[in-house]
C-alpha atoms as a PDB file:
ATOM      1  CA  MET A   1     125.973 -77.835 -21.593  1.00  0.00           C
ATOM      2  CA  PRO A   2     126.412 -80.696 -24.048  1.00  0.00           C
ATOM      3  CA  ARG A   3     123.945 -81.155 -26.838  1.00  0.00           C
ATOM      4  CA  PRO A   4     121.642 -84.190 -26.519  1.00  0.00           C
ATOM      5  CA  ALA A   5     122.387 -87.070 -28.832  1.00  0.00           C
ATOM      6  CA  ALA A   6     120.228 -87.303 -31.924  1.00  0.00           C
ATOM      7  CA  ARG A   7     117.654 -90.068 -31.886  1.00  0.00           C
ATOM      8  CA  ARG A   8     117.954 -92.788 -34.399  1.00  0.00           C
ATOM      9  CA  PRO A   9     114.789 -94.096 -36.027  1.00  0.00           C
ATOM     10  CA  SER A  10     113.990 -97.516 -34.697  1.00  0.00           C
ATOM     11  CA  THR A  11     114.549-100.423 -36.998  1.00  0.00           C
ATOM     12  CA  PRO A  12     112.583-103.663 -36.986  1.00  0.00           C
ATOM     13  CA  ALA A  13     115.500-105.376 -35.318  1.00  0.00           C
ATOM     14  CA  ASP A  14     115.373-102.901 -32.416  1.00  0.00           C
ATOM     15  CA  VAL A  15     111.625-103.313 -31.826  1.00  0.00           C
ATOM     16  CA  PRO A  16     110.660-106.408 -29.841  1.00  0.00           C
ATOM     17  CA  ALA A  17     108.196-108.635 -31.637  1.00  0.00           C
ATOM     18  CA  THR A  18     104.634-108.415 -30.269  1.00  0.00           C
ATOM     19  CA  PRO A  19     101.925-110.764 -31.351  1.00  0.00           C
ATOM     20  CA  ALA A  20      99.258-109.244 -33.592  1.00  0.00           C
ATOM     21  CA  PRO A  21      95.824-108.857 -31.955  1.00  0.00           C
ATOM     22  CA  PRO A  22      93.332-111.489 -32.978  1.00  0.00           C
ATOM     23  CA  ALA A  23      91.011-110.585 -35.840  1.00  0.00           C
ATOM     24  CA  ALA A  24      87.666-109.187 -34.694  1.00  0.00           C
ATOM     25  CA  SER A  25      84.705-111.443 -35.192  1.00  0.00           C
ATOM     26  CA  LEU A  26      82.092-109.938 -37.462  1.00  0.00           C
ATOM     27  CA  ALA A  27      79.431-112.448 -36.482  1.00  0.00           C
ATOM     28  CA  PRO A  28      76.232-110.890 -35.113  1.00  0.00           C
ATOM     29  CA  ALA A  29      75.428-111.207 -31.440  1.00  0.00           C
ATOM     30  CA  PRO A  30      73.241-114.166 -30.507  1.00  0.00           C
ATOM     31  CA  ASP A  31      69.522-113.464 -30.473  1.00  0.00           C
ATOM     32  CA  ASN A  32      67.876-113.963 -27.098  1.00  0.00           C
ATOM     33  CA  GLY A  33      64.354-113.824 -28.521  1.00  0.00           C
ATOM     34  CA  VAL A  34      63.539-110.384 -27.128  1.00  0.00           C
ATOM     35  CA  PRO A  35      63.099-107.703 -29.804  1.00  0.00           C
ATOM     36  CA  PHE A  36      64.551-104.251 -29.362  1.00  0.00           C
ATOM     37  CA  PRO A  37      62.039-101.842 -27.807  1.00  0.00           C
ATOM     38  CA  ASP A  38      60.596 -99.103 -29.959  1.00  0.00           C
ATOM     39  CA  ARG A  39      61.702 -96.147 -27.871  1.00  0.00           C
ATOM     40  CA  VAL A  40      59.518 -93.650 -29.687  1.00  0.00           C
ATOM     41  CA  ARG A  41      56.266 -95.471 -29.024  1.00  0.00           C
ATOM     42  CA  THR A  42      56.942 -96.984 -25.617  1.00  0.00           C
ATOM     43  CA  ALA A  43      58.553 -93.960 -23.996  1.00  0.00           C
ATOM     44  CA  GLU A  44      56.133 -92.374 -21.579  1.00  0.00           C
ATOM     45  CA  ARG A  45      55.901 -88.646 -21.753  1.00  0.00           C
ATOM     46  CA  PRO A  46      56.229 -86.761 -18.491  1.00  0.00           C
ATOM     47  CA  ALA A  47      53.083 -85.266 -17.066  1.00  0.00           C
ATOM     48  CA  PRO A  48      52.574 -81.677 -18.212  1.00  0.00           C
ATOM     49  CA  ILE A  49      53.416 -78.990 -15.682  1.00  0.00           C
ATOM     50  CA  LYS A  50      50.310 -77.492 -14.145  1.00  0.00           C
ATOM     51  CA  ARG A  51      50.357 -73.787 -14.804  1.00  0.00           C
ATOM     52  CA  ARG A  52      48.164 -71.076 -13.396  1.00  0.00           C
ATOM     53  CA  GLY A  53      47.240 -69.661 -16.764  1.00  0.00           C
ATOM     54  CA  LYS A  54      48.337 -68.850 -20.280  1.00  0.00           C
ATOM     55  CA  GLN A  55      51.379 -66.735 -21.011  1.00  0.00           C
ATOM     56  CA  LEU A  56      50.895 -63.545 -22.984  1.00  0.00           C
ATOM     57  CA  GLY A  57      53.782 -61.729 -24.594  1.00  0.00           C
ATOM     58  CA  ALA A  58      53.166 -58.121 -25.522  1.00  0.00           C
ATOM     59  CA  ARG A  59      55.212 -55.017 -26.188  1.00  0.00           C
ATOM     60  CA  ILE A  60      54.178 -51.888 -24.341  1.00  0.00           C
ATOM     61  CA  PRO A  61      55.483 -48.314 -24.541  1.00  0.00           C
ATOM     62  CA  GLU A  62      58.504 -47.630 -22.337  1.00  0.00           C
ATOM     63  CA  ALA A  63      56.691 -44.918 -20.380  1.00  0.00           C
ATOM     64  CA  LEU A  64      53.869 -47.345 -19.540  1.00  0.00           C
ATOM     65  CA  TYR A  65      56.417 -49.966 -18.470  1.00  0.00           C
ATOM     66  CA  GLU A  66      58.132 -47.484 -16.150  1.00  0.00           C
ATOM     67  CA  ARG A  67      54.766 -46.629 -14.589  1.00  0.00           C
ATOM     68  CA  LEU A  68      54.058 -50.331 -14.118  1.00  0.00           C
ATOM     69  CA  VAL A  69      57.406 -50.923 -12.412  1.00  0.00           C
ATOM     70  CA  ALA A  70      56.973 -47.883 -10.163  1.00  0.00           C
ATOM     71  CA  CYS A  71      53.466 -48.982  -9.168  1.00  0.00           C
ATOM     72  CA  ALA A  72      54.640 -52.529  -8.476  1.00  0.00           C
ATOM     73  CA  ASP A  73      57.497 -51.254  -6.301  1.00  0.00           C
ATOM     74  CA  GLU A  74      55.276 -48.890  -4.294  1.00  0.00           C
ATOM     75  CA  THR A  75      52.349 -51.264  -3.766  1.00  0.00           C
ATOM     76  CA  ARG A  76      54.467 -54.447  -3.494  1.00  0.00           C
ATOM     77  CA  ILE A  77      52.076 -56.120  -5.953  1.00  0.00           C
ATOM     78  CA  PRO A  78      53.792 -58.225  -8.636  1.00  0.00           C
ATOM     79  CA  GLN A  79      53.827 -56.747 -12.127  1.00  0.00           C
ATOM     80  CA  ASN A  80      51.955 -59.692 -13.628  1.00  0.00           C
ATOM     81  CA  ARG A  81      49.178 -59.308 -11.041  1.00  0.00           C
ATOM     82  CA  LEU A  82      48.866 -55.601 -11.849  1.00  0.00           C
ATOM     83  CA  LEU A  83      48.652 -56.379 -15.558  1.00  0.00           C
ATOM     84  CA  GLU A  84      46.077 -59.090 -14.874  1.00  0.00           C
ATOM     85  CA  ARG A  85      43.899 -56.691 -12.873  1.00  0.00           C
ATOM     86  CA  ALA A  86      44.170 -53.869 -15.432  1.00  0.00           C
ATOM     87  CA  LEU A  87      43.373 -56.171 -18.357  1.00  0.00           C
ATOM     88  CA  ASP A  88      40.442 -57.714 -16.490  1.00  0.00           C
ATOM     89  CA  ALA A  89      39.000 -54.274 -15.656  1.00  0.00           C
ATOM     90  CA  GLU A  90      39.365 -53.135 -19.283  1.00  0.00           C
ATOM     91  CA  LEU A  91      37.707 -56.261 -20.684  1.00  0.00           C
ATOM     92  CA  ARG A  92      34.832 -55.991 -18.169  1.00  0.00           C
ATOM     93  CA  SER A  93      34.242 -52.395 -19.261  1.00  0.00           C
ATOM     94  CA  HIS A  94      33.730 -53.713 -22.807  1.00  0.00           C
ATOM     95  CA  GLY A  95      31.366 -56.439 -21.658  1.00  0.00           C
ATOM     96  CA  TYR A  96      33.756 -59.417 -21.890  1.00  0.00           C
END
């Protein structure tokens, strides 16, 4: 298999002459009389999502968590509902 011929660097005589692009205009765009909107002040915030209650994050012992999961599986009551009922009963016993 013959080796490919080496490429010669192009010289200005080999390159066809192309016209240079016109210089960019640095003039500002015409003003149409309408100011730019202030996006921070005019942007409407979306309505807050209606939630059922507040979220509480708490760490509990692993054994208690396993009991909670087992109870939720057997009774088919969601874990958060079981926690809500247990916390409510405990607070009522203290008079709250």
